[in-house]
């Protein structure tokens, strides 16, 4: 199973942000710099609570560029915001984080959070422009904390929300049949490639919705995933990537396009964010489906017994 950190993840839309933020490493788990995950969570809770006068709650942490830690929090109005925390949890950076290329990582992260929120059931209030979020060093509000301040949001979305979101994300459908599964894959993930090969004999029985994400190999994964999704024939592009997969270098076989579609890139980034928010980590492949018991299920990594798993998928 390809994965990036546990407990810490969730965001990004467009351009090389995922490249910068998610491109940490391929197969192995990495801890956030500085404090342990628990220590960083405590620091984030303290900082956000203090700066918002206890009107905001931390939803999730995720690894950011250059050692920064992304902090997603929820305001008393129910909107989602993102800021950055220093590597050792000593301070919050409330304004834009700009790269040498002029990219506003804060703005891009906020767009992704907004996009992911809109895929979930129920109304999702708009959080506005990222540049307008923190005009002053105080975070979301300067008013006293109300007695009925919202309880902290859970670290993961429910399995039902995960399945619902997966059904709405852009994907590439392969196969046919009454049973359906959704698979999050990185084009450079060797275990995704193995799953693709294992699923081939079942293509007349199972419809697999492949959802491209990009985080394993910095710029390459994001652009390759975007290229597959924006292709005139995404199915053909996906098959080319998998059929020409180089197991030695662990790289997909689809060439990176010269022109990148902003909408396709946003879709890939949104799916990456959604995967992180749903599972608490970035790991591919991740399979989501409705079971014969009528309940949603998810499996991270290559299934030990694919035949058994498919038998448990609702037909």
C-alpha atoms as a PDB file:
ATOM      1  CA  UNK A   1       0.000   0.000   0.000  1.00  0.00           C
ATOM      2  CA  UNK A   2       1.348   3.391  -0.966  1.00  0.00           C
ATOM      3  CA  UNK A   3       0.883   5.900   1.815  1.00  0.00           C
ATOM      4  CA  UNK A   4       1.956   9.243   3.229  1.00  0.00           C
ATOM      5  CA  UNK A   5       1.555  10.178   6.923  1.00  0.00           C
ATOM      6  CA  UNK A   6      -1.098   8.968   9.282  1.00  0.00           C
ATOM      7  CA  UNK A   7      -3.461  11.348  11.138  1.00  0.00           C
ATOM      8  CA  UNK A   8      -2.153  14.319   9.221  1.00  0.00           C
ATOM      9  CA  UNK A   9      -3.682  15.239   5.912  1.00  0.00           C
ATOM     10  CA  UNK A  10      -6.390  16.997   4.031  1.00  0.00           C
ATOM     11  CA  UNK A  11      -6.536  19.637   1.271  1.00  0.00           C
ATOM     12  CA  UNK A  12      -5.141  21.179  -1.925  1.00  0.00           C
ATOM     13  CA  UNK A  13      -6.402  22.191  -5.303  1.00  0.00           C
ATOM     14  CA  UNK A  14      -4.613  22.974  -8.522  1.00  0.00           C
ATOM     15  CA  UNK A  15      -1.145  23.448  -9.802  1.00  0.00           C
ATOM     16  CA  UNK A  16       2.033  22.271  -8.127  1.00  0.00           C
ATOM     17  CA  UNK A  17       0.682  22.590  -4.637  1.00  0.00           C
ATOM     18  CA  UNK A  18       0.078  18.932  -4.183  1.00  0.00           C
ATOM     19  CA  UNK A  19       3.492  18.529  -5.589  1.00  0.00           C
ATOM     20  CA  UNK A  20       4.976  20.719  -2.886  1.00  0.00           C
ATOM     21  CA  UNK A  21       2.730  19.718  -0.042  1.00  0.00           C
ATOM     22  CA  UNK A  22       2.009  16.055  -0.656  1.00  0.00           C
ATOM     23  CA  UNK A  23       5.231  15.122  -2.409  1.00  0.00           C
ATOM     24  CA  UNK A  24       7.053  13.833   0.625  1.00  0.00           C
ATOM     25  CA  UNK A  25       7.757  10.209  -0.147  1.00  0.00           C
ATOM     26  CA  UNK A  26       6.303   7.173  -1.798  1.00  0.00           C
ATOM     27  CA  UNK A  27       5.815   3.973   0.127  1.00  0.00           C
ATOM     28  CA  UNK A  28       6.830   4.819   3.652  1.00  0.00           C
ATOM     29  CA  UNK A  29       5.108   6.611   6.486  1.00  0.00           C
ATOM     30  CA  UNK A  30       6.719   9.880   7.546  1.00  0.00           C
ATOM     31  CA  UNK A  31       6.115  11.802  10.725  1.00  0.00           C
ATOM     32  CA  UNK A  32       5.612  15.551  10.725  1.00  0.00           C
ATOM     33  CA  UNK A  33       8.750  17.462  11.647  1.00  0.00           C
ATOM     34  CA  UNK A  34       9.277  18.735  15.164  1.00  0.00           C
ATOM     35  CA  UNK A  35       6.798  17.389  17.667  1.00  0.00           C
ATOM     36  CA  UNK A  36       4.958  14.093  17.468  1.00  0.00           C
ATOM     37  CA  UNK A  37       1.542  14.036  15.848  1.00  0.00           C
ATOM     38  CA  UNK A  38      -0.082  14.218  19.282  1.00  0.00           C
ATOM     39  CA  UNK A  39       2.128  17.158  20.236  1.00  0.00           C
ATOM     40  CA  UNK A  40       1.320  19.024  17.048  1.00  0.00           C
ATOM     41  CA  UNK A  41      -2.388  18.406  17.569  1.00  0.00           C
ATOM     42  CA  UNK A  42      -2.168  19.815  21.095  1.00  0.00           C
ATOM     43  CA  UNK A  43      -0.305  22.893  19.851  1.00  0.00           C
ATOM     44  CA  UNK A  44      -2.828  23.474  17.074  1.00  0.00           C
ATOM     45  CA  UNK A  45      -5.764  23.119  19.474  1.00  0.00           C
ATOM     46  CA  UNK A  46      -4.157  25.597  21.867  1.00  0.00           C
ATOM     47  CA  UNK A  47      -3.233  28.146  19.196  1.00  0.00           C
ATOM     48  CA  UNK A  48      -6.534  28.055  17.311  1.00  0.00           C
ATOM     49  CA  UNK A  49      -8.500  28.050  20.556  1.00  0.00           C
ATOM     50  CA  UNK A  50      -6.563  31.004  21.971  1.00  0.00           C
ATOM     51  CA  UNK A  51      -6.555  33.113  18.822  1.00  0.00           C
ATOM     52  CA  UNK A  52     -10.251  32.523  18.163  1.00  0.00           C
ATOM     53  CA  UNK A  53     -11.214  32.881  21.835  1.00  0.00           C
ATOM     54  CA  UNK A  54     -12.440  29.305  21.761  1.00  0.00           C
ATOM     55  CA  UNK A  55     -14.927  29.873  18.938  1.00  0.00           C
ATOM     56  CA  UNK A  56     -13.083  27.640  16.431  1.00  0.00           C
ATOM     57  CA  UNK A  57     -12.118  23.951  16.534  1.00  0.00           C
ATOM     58  CA  UNK A  58      -9.313  22.117  14.738  1.00  0.00           C
ATOM     59  CA  UNK A  59     -10.551  19.557  12.215  1.00  0.00           C
ATOM     60  CA  UNK A  60      -7.324  18.185  10.772  1.00  0.00           C
ATOM     61  CA  UNK A  61      -3.572  18.632  10.411  1.00  0.00           C
ATOM     62  CA  UNK A  62      -1.562  17.793   7.305  1.00  0.00           C
ATOM     63  CA  UNK A  63       2.067  18.095   6.149  1.00  0.00           C
ATOM     64  CA  UNK A  64       2.840  21.389   4.460  1.00  0.00           C
ATOM     65  CA  UNK A  65       5.732  22.814   2.440  1.00  0.00           C
ATOM     66  CA  UNK A  66       9.144  23.281   4.011  1.00  0.00           C
ATOM     67  CA  UNK A  67       8.152  21.727   7.310  1.00  0.00           C
ATOM     68  CA  UNK A  68       5.050  23.838   7.869  1.00  0.00           C
ATOM     69  CA  UNK A  69       1.966  22.086   9.182  1.00  0.00           C
ATOM     70  CA  UNK A  70      -1.389  22.791   7.560  1.00  0.00           C
ATOM     71  CA  UNK A  71      -4.224  23.353  10.036  1.00  0.00           C
ATOM     72  CA  UNK A  72      -7.846  23.045   8.893  1.00  0.00           C
ATOM     73  CA  UNK A  73     -10.297  24.445  11.431  1.00  0.00           C
ATOM     74  CA  UNK A  74     -14.000  25.134  11.695  1.00  0.00           C
ATOM     75  CA  UNK A  75     -15.373  28.531  12.729  1.00  0.00           C
ATOM     76  CA  UNK A  76     -18.386  29.064  14.961  1.00  0.00           C
ATOM     77  CA  UNK A  77     -20.395  29.795  11.775  1.00  0.00           C
ATOM     78  CA  UNK A  78     -19.540  26.326  10.483  1.00  0.00           C
ATOM     79  CA  UNK A  79     -17.167  27.404   7.699  1.00  0.00           C
ATOM     80  CA  UNK A  80     -13.838  25.694   7.102  1.00  0.00           C
ATOM     81  CA  UNK A  81     -10.562  27.641   7.086  1.00  0.00           C
ATOM     82  CA  UNK A  82      -6.914  26.803   6.621  1.00  0.00           C
ATOM     83  CA  UNK A  83      -3.758  28.309   8.146  1.00  0.00           C
ATOM     84  CA  UNK A  84      -0.189  27.146   8.617  1.00  0.00           C
ATOM     85  CA  UNK A  85       1.614  26.290  11.847  1.00  0.00           C
ATOM     86  CA  UNK A  86       5.370  26.402  12.362  1.00  0.00           C
ATOM     87  CA  UNK A  87       7.144  22.996  12.487  1.00  0.00           C
ATOM     88  CA  UNK A  88       7.368  22.878  16.297  1.00  0.00           C
ATOM     89  CA  UNK A  89       3.876  24.179  16.910  1.00  0.00           C
ATOM     90  CA  UNK A  90       5.003  27.504  18.330  1.00  0.00           C
ATOM     91  CA  UNK A  91       3.082  29.899  16.091  1.00  0.00           C
ATOM     92  CA  UNK A  92       0.387  30.272  13.441  1.00  0.00           C
ATOM     93  CA  UNK A  93       1.023  31.879  10.047  1.00  0.00           C
ATOM     94  CA  UNK A  94      -2.412  33.382   9.248  1.00  0.00           C
ATOM     95  CA  UNK A  95      -1.658  35.016   5.898  1.00  0.00           C
ATOM     96  CA  UNK A  96      -0.817  33.729   2.408  1.00  0.00           C
ATOM     97  CA  UNK A  97       2.171  31.426   1.946  1.00  0.00           C
ATOM     98  CA  UNK A  98       3.689  32.290  -1.422  1.00  0.00           C
ATOM     99  CA  UNK A  99       6.192  30.139  -3.343  1.00  0.00           C
ATOM    100  CA  UNK A 100       9.031  31.468  -5.485  1.00  0.00           C
ATOM    101  CA  UNK A 101       6.817  30.772  -8.507  1.00  0.00           C
ATOM    102  CA  UNK A 102       4.193  33.113  -7.086  1.00  0.00           C
ATOM    103  CA  UNK A 103       1.723  30.429  -6.031  1.00  0.00           C
ATOM    104  CA  UNK A 104      -0.484  31.202  -3.051  1.00  0.00           C
ATOM    105  CA  UNK A 105      -0.523  27.858  -1.238  1.00  0.00           C
ATOM    106  CA  UNK A 106      -2.996  29.128   1.329  1.00  0.00           C
ATOM    107  CA  UNK A 107      -5.457  30.219  -1.349  1.00  0.00           C
ATOM    108  CA  UNK A 108      -5.131  26.963  -3.234  1.00  0.00           C
ATOM    109  CA  UNK A 109      -5.626  24.936  -0.056  1.00  0.00           C
ATOM    110  CA  UNK A 110      -8.733  26.936   0.781  1.00  0.00           C
ATOM    111  CA  UNK A 111     -10.184  26.332  -2.685  1.00  0.00           C
ATOM    112  CA  UNK A 112      -9.695  22.600  -2.255  1.00  0.00           C
ATOM    113  CA  UNK A 113     -11.356  22.555   1.154  1.00  0.00           C
ATOM    114  CA  UNK A 114     -14.317  24.450  -0.297  1.00  0.00           C
ATOM    115  CA  UNK A 115     -14.529  22.065  -3.238  1.00  0.00           C
ATOM    116  CA  UNK A 116     -14.413  18.951  -1.073  1.00  0.00           C
ATOM    117  CA  UNK A 117     -16.996  20.352   1.350  1.00  0.00           C
ATOM    118  CA  UNK A 118     -19.410  20.878  -1.537  1.00  0.00           C
ATOM    119  CA  UNK A 119     -19.280  17.195  -2.500  1.00  0.00           C
ATOM    120  CA  UNK A 120     -20.667  16.108   0.860  1.00  0.00           C
ATOM    121  CA  UNK A 121     -24.368  15.901   1.756  1.00  0.00           C
ATOM    122  CA  UNK A 122     -26.067  18.957   3.208  1.00  0.00           C
ATOM    123  CA  UNK A 123     -25.299  22.654   2.780  1.00  0.00           C
ATOM    124  CA  UNK A 124     -21.705  23.774   2.914  1.00  0.00           C
ATOM    125  CA  UNK A 125     -21.311  27.490   3.593  1.00  0.00           C
ATOM    126  CA  UNK A 126     -18.869  29.341   1.412  1.00  0.00           C
ATOM    127  CA  UNK A 127     -15.671  30.366   3.074  1.00  0.00           C
ATOM    128  CA  UNK A 128     -14.885  33.254   0.775  1.00  0.00           C
ATOM    129  CA  UNK A 129     -11.549  34.258  -0.669  1.00  0.00           C
ATOM    130  CA  UNK A 130      -8.472  33.013   1.122  1.00  0.00           C
ATOM    131  CA  UNK A 131      -6.887  36.421   1.005  1.00  0.00           C
ATOM    132  CA  UNK A 132      -9.771  37.894   2.983  1.00  0.00           C
ATOM    133  CA  UNK A 133      -9.796  35.309   5.739  1.00  0.00           C
ATOM    134  CA  UNK A 134      -7.227  36.816   8.071  1.00  0.00           C
ATOM    135  CA  UNK A 135      -6.968  40.572   7.613  1.00  0.00           C
ATOM    136  CA  UNK A 136      -5.645  40.730  11.183  1.00  0.00           C
ATOM    137  CA  UNK A 137      -3.514  38.384  13.306  1.00  0.00           C
ATOM    138  CA  UNK A 138      -6.573  37.168  15.223  1.00  0.00           C
ATOM    139  CA  UNK A 139      -8.019  34.118  13.539  1.00  0.00           C
ATOM    140  CA  UNK A 140     -11.701  33.702  12.840  1.00  0.00           C
ATOM    141  CA  UNK A 141     -13.434  35.879  15.385  1.00  0.00           C
ATOM    142  CA  UNK A 142     -12.811  38.355  18.174  1.00  0.00           C
ATOM    143  CA  UNK A 143     -16.159  37.882  19.881  1.00  0.00           C
ATOM    144  CA  UNK A 144     -16.435  35.988  23.192  1.00  0.00           C
ATOM    145  CA  UNK A 145     -17.037  32.258  22.932  1.00  0.00           C
ATOM    146  CA  UNK A 146     -20.753  31.421  23.019  1.00  0.00           C
ATOM    147  CA  UNK A 147     -21.997  28.949  25.617  1.00  0.00           C
ATOM    148  CA  UNK A 148     -23.041  26.550  22.880  1.00  0.00           C
ATOM    149  CA  UNK A 149     -19.726  26.591  21.007  1.00  0.00           C
ATOM    150  CA  UNK A 150     -19.577  23.704  18.486  1.00  0.00           C
ATOM    151  CA  UNK A 151     -17.974  20.478  19.560  1.00  0.00           C
ATOM    152  CA  UNK A 152     -14.740  19.467  17.817  1.00  0.00           C
ATOM    153  CA  UNK A 153     -15.251  17.839  14.430  1.00  0.00           C
ATOM    154  CA  UNK A 154     -14.154  14.203  14.079  1.00  0.00           C
ATOM    155  CA  UNK A 155     -10.828  13.391  12.521  1.00  0.00           C
ATOM    156  CA  UNK A 156     -12.415  11.381   9.698  1.00  0.00           C
ATOM    157  CA  UNK A 157     -15.612  11.647   7.737  1.00  0.00           C
ATOM    158  CA  UNK A 158     -18.073   8.776   8.077  1.00  0.00           C
ATOM    159  CA  UNK A 159     -17.878   5.821   5.714  1.00  0.00           C
ATOM    160  CA  UNK A 160     -21.247   6.826   4.275  1.00  0.00           C
ATOM    161  CA  UNK A 161     -19.946  10.314   3.515  1.00  0.00           C
ATOM    162  CA  UNK A 162     -16.792   8.777   2.044  1.00  0.00           C
ATOM    163  CA  UNK A 163     -18.853   6.601  -0.303  1.00  0.00           C
ATOM    164  CA  UNK A 164     -21.164   9.493  -1.220  1.00  0.00           C
ATOM    165  CA  UNK A 165     -18.206  11.751  -1.953  1.00  0.00           C
ATOM    166  CA  UNK A 166     -16.486   9.050  -4.026  1.00  0.00           C
ATOM    167  CA  UNK A 167     -19.576   8.693  -6.205  1.00  0.00           C
ATOM    168  CA  UNK A 168     -19.441  12.430  -6.996  1.00  0.00           C
ATOM    169  CA  UNK A 169     -15.720  12.791  -7.710  1.00  0.00           C
ATOM    170  CA  UNK A 170     -14.462  12.589 -11.288  1.00  0.00           C
ATOM    171  CA  UNK A 171     -13.430   9.071 -12.143  1.00  0.00           C
ATOM    172  CA  UNK A 172     -12.652   6.710 -15.009  1.00  0.00           C
ATOM    173  CA  UNK A 173     -15.060   3.797 -15.327  1.00  0.00           C
ATOM    174  CA  UNK A 174     -13.634   0.439 -16.382  1.00  0.00           C
ATOM    175  CA  UNK A 175     -15.715  -2.705 -16.802  1.00  0.00           C
ATOM    176  CA  UNK A 176     -19.408  -3.413 -16.443  1.00  0.00           C
ATOM    177  CA  UNK A 177     -21.715  -5.416 -14.264  1.00  0.00           C
ATOM    178  CA  UNK A 178     -24.096  -4.938 -11.354  1.00  0.00           C
ATOM    179  CA  UNK A 179     -21.346  -4.522  -8.750  1.00  0.00           C
ATOM    180  CA  UNK A 180     -19.498  -1.208  -8.439  1.00  0.00           C
ATOM    181  CA  UNK A 181     -16.377  -0.170  -6.558  1.00  0.00           C
ATOM    182  CA  UNK A 182     -14.468   3.109  -6.369  1.00  0.00           C
ATOM    183  CA  UNK A 183     -10.671   2.989  -6.307  1.00  0.00           C
ATOM    184  CA  UNK A 184      -8.376   5.915  -5.454  1.00  0.00           C
ATOM    185  CA  UNK A 185      -5.137   5.491  -7.372  1.00  0.00           C
ATOM    186  CA  UNK A 186      -1.911   7.367  -7.996  1.00  0.00           C
ATOM    187  CA  UNK A 187      -0.551   6.834 -11.536  1.00  0.00           C
ATOM    188  CA  UNK A 188       2.864   6.010 -10.038  1.00  0.00           C
ATOM    189  CA  UNK A 189       1.545   3.536  -7.457  1.00  0.00           C
ATOM    190  CA  UNK A 190       2.826   0.017  -8.092  1.00  0.00           C
ATOM    191  CA  UNK A 191       0.169  -1.537  -5.858  1.00  0.00           C
ATOM    192  CA  UNK A 192      -2.547   0.252  -7.835  1.00  0.00           C
ATOM    193  CA  UNK A 193      -1.012  -1.244 -10.950  1.00  0.00           C
ATOM    194  CA  UNK A 194      -1.164  -4.701  -9.388  1.00  0.00           C
ATOM    195  CA  UNK A 195      -4.800  -4.148  -8.439  1.00  0.00           C
ATOM    196  CA  UNK A 196      -5.555  -3.098 -12.024  1.00  0.00           C
ATOM    197  CA  UNK A 197      -4.063  -6.376 -13.278  1.00  0.00           C
ATOM    198  CA  UNK A 198      -5.953  -8.420 -10.693  1.00  0.00           C
ATOM    199  CA  UNK A 199      -9.253  -6.759 -11.613  1.00  0.00           C
ATOM    200  CA  UNK A 200      -8.946  -7.454 -15.339  1.00  0.00           C
ATOM    201  CA  UNK A 201     -10.597 -10.909 -15.191  1.00  0.00           C
ATOM    202  CA  UNK A 202     -13.576  -9.342 -13.385  1.00  0.00           C
ATOM    203  CA  UNK A 203     -14.246  -6.510 -15.844  1.00  0.00           C
ATOM    204  CA  UNK A 204     -17.414  -8.173 -17.120  1.00  0.00           C
ATOM    205  CA  UNK A 205     -18.710  -8.546 -13.589  1.00  0.00           C
ATOM    206  CA  UNK A 206     -17.567  -5.421 -11.771  1.00  0.00           C
ATOM    207  CA  UNK A 207     -17.573  -1.766 -12.773  1.00  0.00           C
ATOM    208  CA  UNK A 208     -14.554  -0.042 -11.252  1.00  0.00           C
ATOM    209  CA  UNK A 209     -14.478   3.746 -10.953  1.00  0.00           C
ATOM    210  CA  UNK A 210     -10.816   4.732 -10.848  1.00  0.00           C
ATOM    211  CA  UNK A 211     -10.375   8.083  -9.071  1.00  0.00           C
ATOM    212  CA  UNK A 212      -6.992   9.675  -9.870  1.00  0.00           C
ATOM    213  CA  UNK A 213      -5.042  11.362  -7.084  1.00  0.00           C
ATOM    214  CA  UNK A 214      -1.514  12.738  -7.198  1.00  0.00           C
ATOM    215  CA  UNK A 215       0.978  12.777  -4.328  1.00  0.00           C
ATOM    216  CA  UNK A 216       3.592  10.015  -4.609  1.00  0.00           C
ATOM    217  CA  UNK A 217       6.138  11.548  -6.965  1.00  0.00           C
ATOM    218  CA  UNK A 218       5.893  15.264  -6.559  1.00  0.00           C
ATOM    219  CA  UNK A 219       5.155  17.077  -9.823  1.00  0.00           C
ATOM    220  CA  UNK A 220       5.035  13.867 -11.847  1.00  0.00           C
ATOM    221  CA  UNK A 221       2.081  12.219 -10.102  1.00  0.00           C
ATOM    222  CA  UNK A 222      -0.143  15.299 -10.146  1.00  0.00           C
ATOM    223  CA  UNK A 223       0.516  16.119 -13.798  1.00  0.00           C
ATOM    224  CA  UNK A 224       0.259  12.502 -14.902  1.00  0.00           C
ATOM    225  CA  UNK A 225      -3.047  12.048 -13.056  1.00  0.00           C
ATOM    226  CA  UNK A 226      -4.330  15.286 -14.574  1.00  0.00           C
ATOM    227  CA  UNK A 227      -3.211  14.204 -18.036  1.00  0.00           C
ATOM    228  CA  UNK A 228      -5.111  10.927 -17.760  1.00  0.00           C
ATOM    229  CA  UNK A 229      -8.274  12.659 -16.582  1.00  0.00           C
ATOM    230  CA  UNK A 230      -8.162  15.399 -19.230  1.00  0.00           C
ATOM    231  CA  UNK A 231      -7.402  13.043 -22.128  1.00  0.00           C
ATOM    232  CA  UNK A 232      -9.903  12.818 -24.991  1.00  0.00           C
ATOM    233  CA  UNK A 233     -10.280   9.157 -24.084  1.00  0.00           C
ATOM    234  CA  UNK A 234      -9.547   8.819 -20.333  1.00  0.00           C
ATOM    235  CA  UNK A 235     -10.142   5.063 -20.402  1.00  0.00           C
ATOM    236  CA  UNK A 236      -7.500   4.585 -23.067  1.00  0.00           C
ATOM    237  CA  UNK A 237      -5.119   6.946 -21.234  1.00  0.00           C
ATOM    238  CA  UNK A 238      -5.636   5.074 -17.973  1.00  0.00           C
ATOM    239  CA  UNK A 239      -5.012   1.704 -19.603  1.00  0.00           C
ATOM    240  CA  UNK A 240      -1.883   3.049 -21.292  1.00  0.00           C
ATOM    241  CA  UNK A 241      -0.572   4.242 -17.931  1.00  0.00           C
ATOM    242  CA  UNK A 242      -1.142   0.856 -16.322  1.00  0.00           C
ATOM    243  CA  UNK A 243      -0.217  -1.392 -19.253  1.00  0.00           C
ATOM    244  CA  UNK A 244       3.071   0.469 -19.724  1.00  0.00           C
ATOM    245  CA  UNK A 245       3.821   0.760 -16.009  1.00  0.00           C
ATOM    246  CA  UNK A 246       7.567   0.519 -15.260  1.00  0.00           C
ATOM    247  CA  UNK A 247       7.806  -1.679 -12.176  1.00  0.00           C
ATOM    248  CA  UNK A 248      11.542  -0.986 -11.868  1.00  0.00           C
ATOM    249  CA  UNK A 249      11.216   2.781 -11.436  1.00  0.00           C
ATOM    250  CA  UNK A 250       7.615   2.513 -10.185  1.00  0.00           C
ATOM    251  CA  UNK A 251       6.334   4.986 -12.756  1.00  0.00           C
ATOM    252  CA  UNK A 252       3.165   4.954 -14.796  1.00  0.00           C
ATOM    253  CA  UNK A 253       3.476   4.801 -18.553  1.00  0.00           C
ATOM    254  CA  UNK A 254       1.282   7.737 -19.525  1.00  0.00           C
ATOM    255  CA  UNK A 255       3.291  10.756 -20.721  1.00  0.00           C
ATOM    256  CA  UNK A 256       2.889  14.077 -18.956  1.00  0.00           C
ATOM    257  CA  UNK A 257       0.941  16.439 -21.246  1.00  0.00           C
ATOM    258  CA  UNK A 258       2.418  19.746 -22.356  1.00  0.00           C
ATOM    259  CA  UNK A 259      -0.796  21.597 -21.549  1.00  0.00           C
ATOM    260  CA  UNK A 260      -2.538  21.109 -18.233  1.00  0.00           C
ATOM    261  CA  UNK A 261      -6.278  21.576 -17.851  1.00  0.00           C
ATOM    262  CA  UNK A 262      -7.044  23.671 -14.783  1.00  0.00           C
ATOM    263  CA  UNK A 263     -10.395  21.974 -14.224  1.00  0.00           C
ATOM    264  CA  UNK A 264      -8.885  18.491 -14.486  1.00  0.00           C
ATOM    265  CA  UNK A 265      -6.036  19.439 -12.178  1.00  0.00           C
ATOM    266  CA  UNK A 266      -8.511  20.846  -9.664  1.00  0.00           C
ATOM    267  CA  UNK A 267     -10.492  17.610  -9.858  1.00  0.00           C
ATOM    268  CA  UNK A 268      -7.383  15.525  -9.113  1.00  0.00           C
ATOM    269  CA  UNK A 269      -6.414  17.785  -6.229  1.00  0.00           C
ATOM    270  CA  UNK A 270      -9.936  17.740  -4.817  1.00  0.00           C
ATOM    271  CA  UNK A 271      -9.954  13.933  -4.909  1.00  0.00           C
ATOM    272  CA  UNK A 272      -6.592  13.878  -3.132  1.00  0.00           C
ATOM    273  CA  UNK A 273      -7.974  16.162  -0.445  1.00  0.00           C
ATOM    274  CA  UNK A 274     -11.086  14.056  -0.102  1.00  0.00           C
ATOM    275  CA  UNK A 275      -9.069  10.868   0.313  1.00  0.00           C
ATOM    276  CA  UNK A 276      -7.016  12.484   3.065  1.00  0.00           C
ATOM    277  CA  UNK A 277     -10.052  13.850   4.857  1.00  0.00           C
ATOM    278  CA  UNK A 278     -11.867  10.524   4.683  1.00  0.00           C
ATOM    279  CA  UNK A 279      -9.081   8.230   5.846  1.00  0.00           C
ATOM    280  CA  UNK A 280      -6.713  10.440   7.829  1.00  0.00           C
ATOM    281  CA  UNK A 281      -3.839   9.593   5.499  1.00  0.00           C
ATOM    282  CA  UNK A 282      -2.921   9.366   1.846  1.00  0.00           C
ATOM    283  CA  UNK A 283      -2.727   5.730   0.843  1.00  0.00           C
ATOM    284  CA  UNK A 284      -3.259   4.054  -2.506  1.00  0.00           C
ATOM    285  CA  UNK A 285      -5.016   2.021  -3.562  1.00  0.00           C
ATOM    286  CA  UNK A 286      -8.042   2.746  -1.390  1.00  0.00           C
ATOM    287  CA  UNK A 287     -11.238   0.919  -2.331  1.00  0.00           C
ATOM    288  CA  UNK A 288     -14.722   2.122  -1.383  1.00  0.00           C
ATOM    289  CA  UNK A 289     -17.971   0.227  -1.975  1.00  0.00           C
ATOM    290  CA  UNK A 290     -21.424  -0.595  -0.681  1.00  0.00           C
ATOM    291  CA  UNK A 291     -21.521  -4.089   0.741  1.00  0.00           C
ATOM    292  CA  UNK A 292     -24.084  -6.835   0.447  1.00  0.00           C
ATOM    293  CA  UNK A 293     -25.036  -5.877   4.009  1.00  0.00           C
ATOM    294  CA  UNK A 294     -26.155  -2.469   2.709  1.00  0.00           C
ATOM    295  CA  UNK A 295     -23.369  -0.682   4.569  1.00  0.00           C
ATOM    296  CA  UNK A 296     -20.442   1.346   3.148  1.00  0.00           C
ATOM    297  CA  UNK A 297     -16.968  -0.186   3.364  1.00  0.00           C
ATOM    298  CA  UNK A 298     -13.429   0.909   2.566  1.00  0.00           C
ATOM    299  CA  UNK A 299     -10.206  -1.053   2.197  1.00  0.00           C
ATOM    300  CA  UNK A 300      -6.784   0.584   2.177  1.00  0.00           C
ATOM    301  CA  UNK A 301      -4.039  -1.165   0.278  1.00  0.00           C
ATOM    302  CA  UNK A 302      -4.020  -4.213  -1.974  1.00  0.00           C
ATOM    303  CA  UNK A 303      -6.696  -6.671  -0.767  1.00  0.00           C
ATOM    304  CA  UNK A 304      -5.369  -9.980   0.511  1.00  0.00           C
ATOM    305  CA  UNK A 305      -8.240 -11.816  -1.186  1.00  0.00           C
ATOM    306  CA  UNK A 306      -9.751  -9.822  -4.048  1.00  0.00           C
ATOM    307  CA  UNK A 307     -12.275 -12.528  -4.954  1.00  0.00           C
ATOM    308  CA  UNK A 308     -13.631 -12.493  -1.398  1.00  0.00           C
ATOM    309  CA  UNK A 309     -13.810  -8.689  -1.350  1.00  0.00           C
ATOM    310  CA  UNK A 310     -15.710  -8.549  -4.633  1.00  0.00           C
ATOM    311  CA  UNK A 311     -18.136 -11.164  -3.357  1.00  0.00           C
ATOM    312  CA  UNK A 312     -18.973  -8.737  -0.547  1.00  0.00           C
ATOM    313  CA  UNK A 313     -19.852  -5.912  -2.960  1.00  0.00           C
ATOM    314  CA  UNK A 314     -23.535  -5.232  -3.407  1.00  0.00           C
ATOM    315  CA  UNK A 315     -24.815  -6.383  -6.799  1.00  0.00           C
END
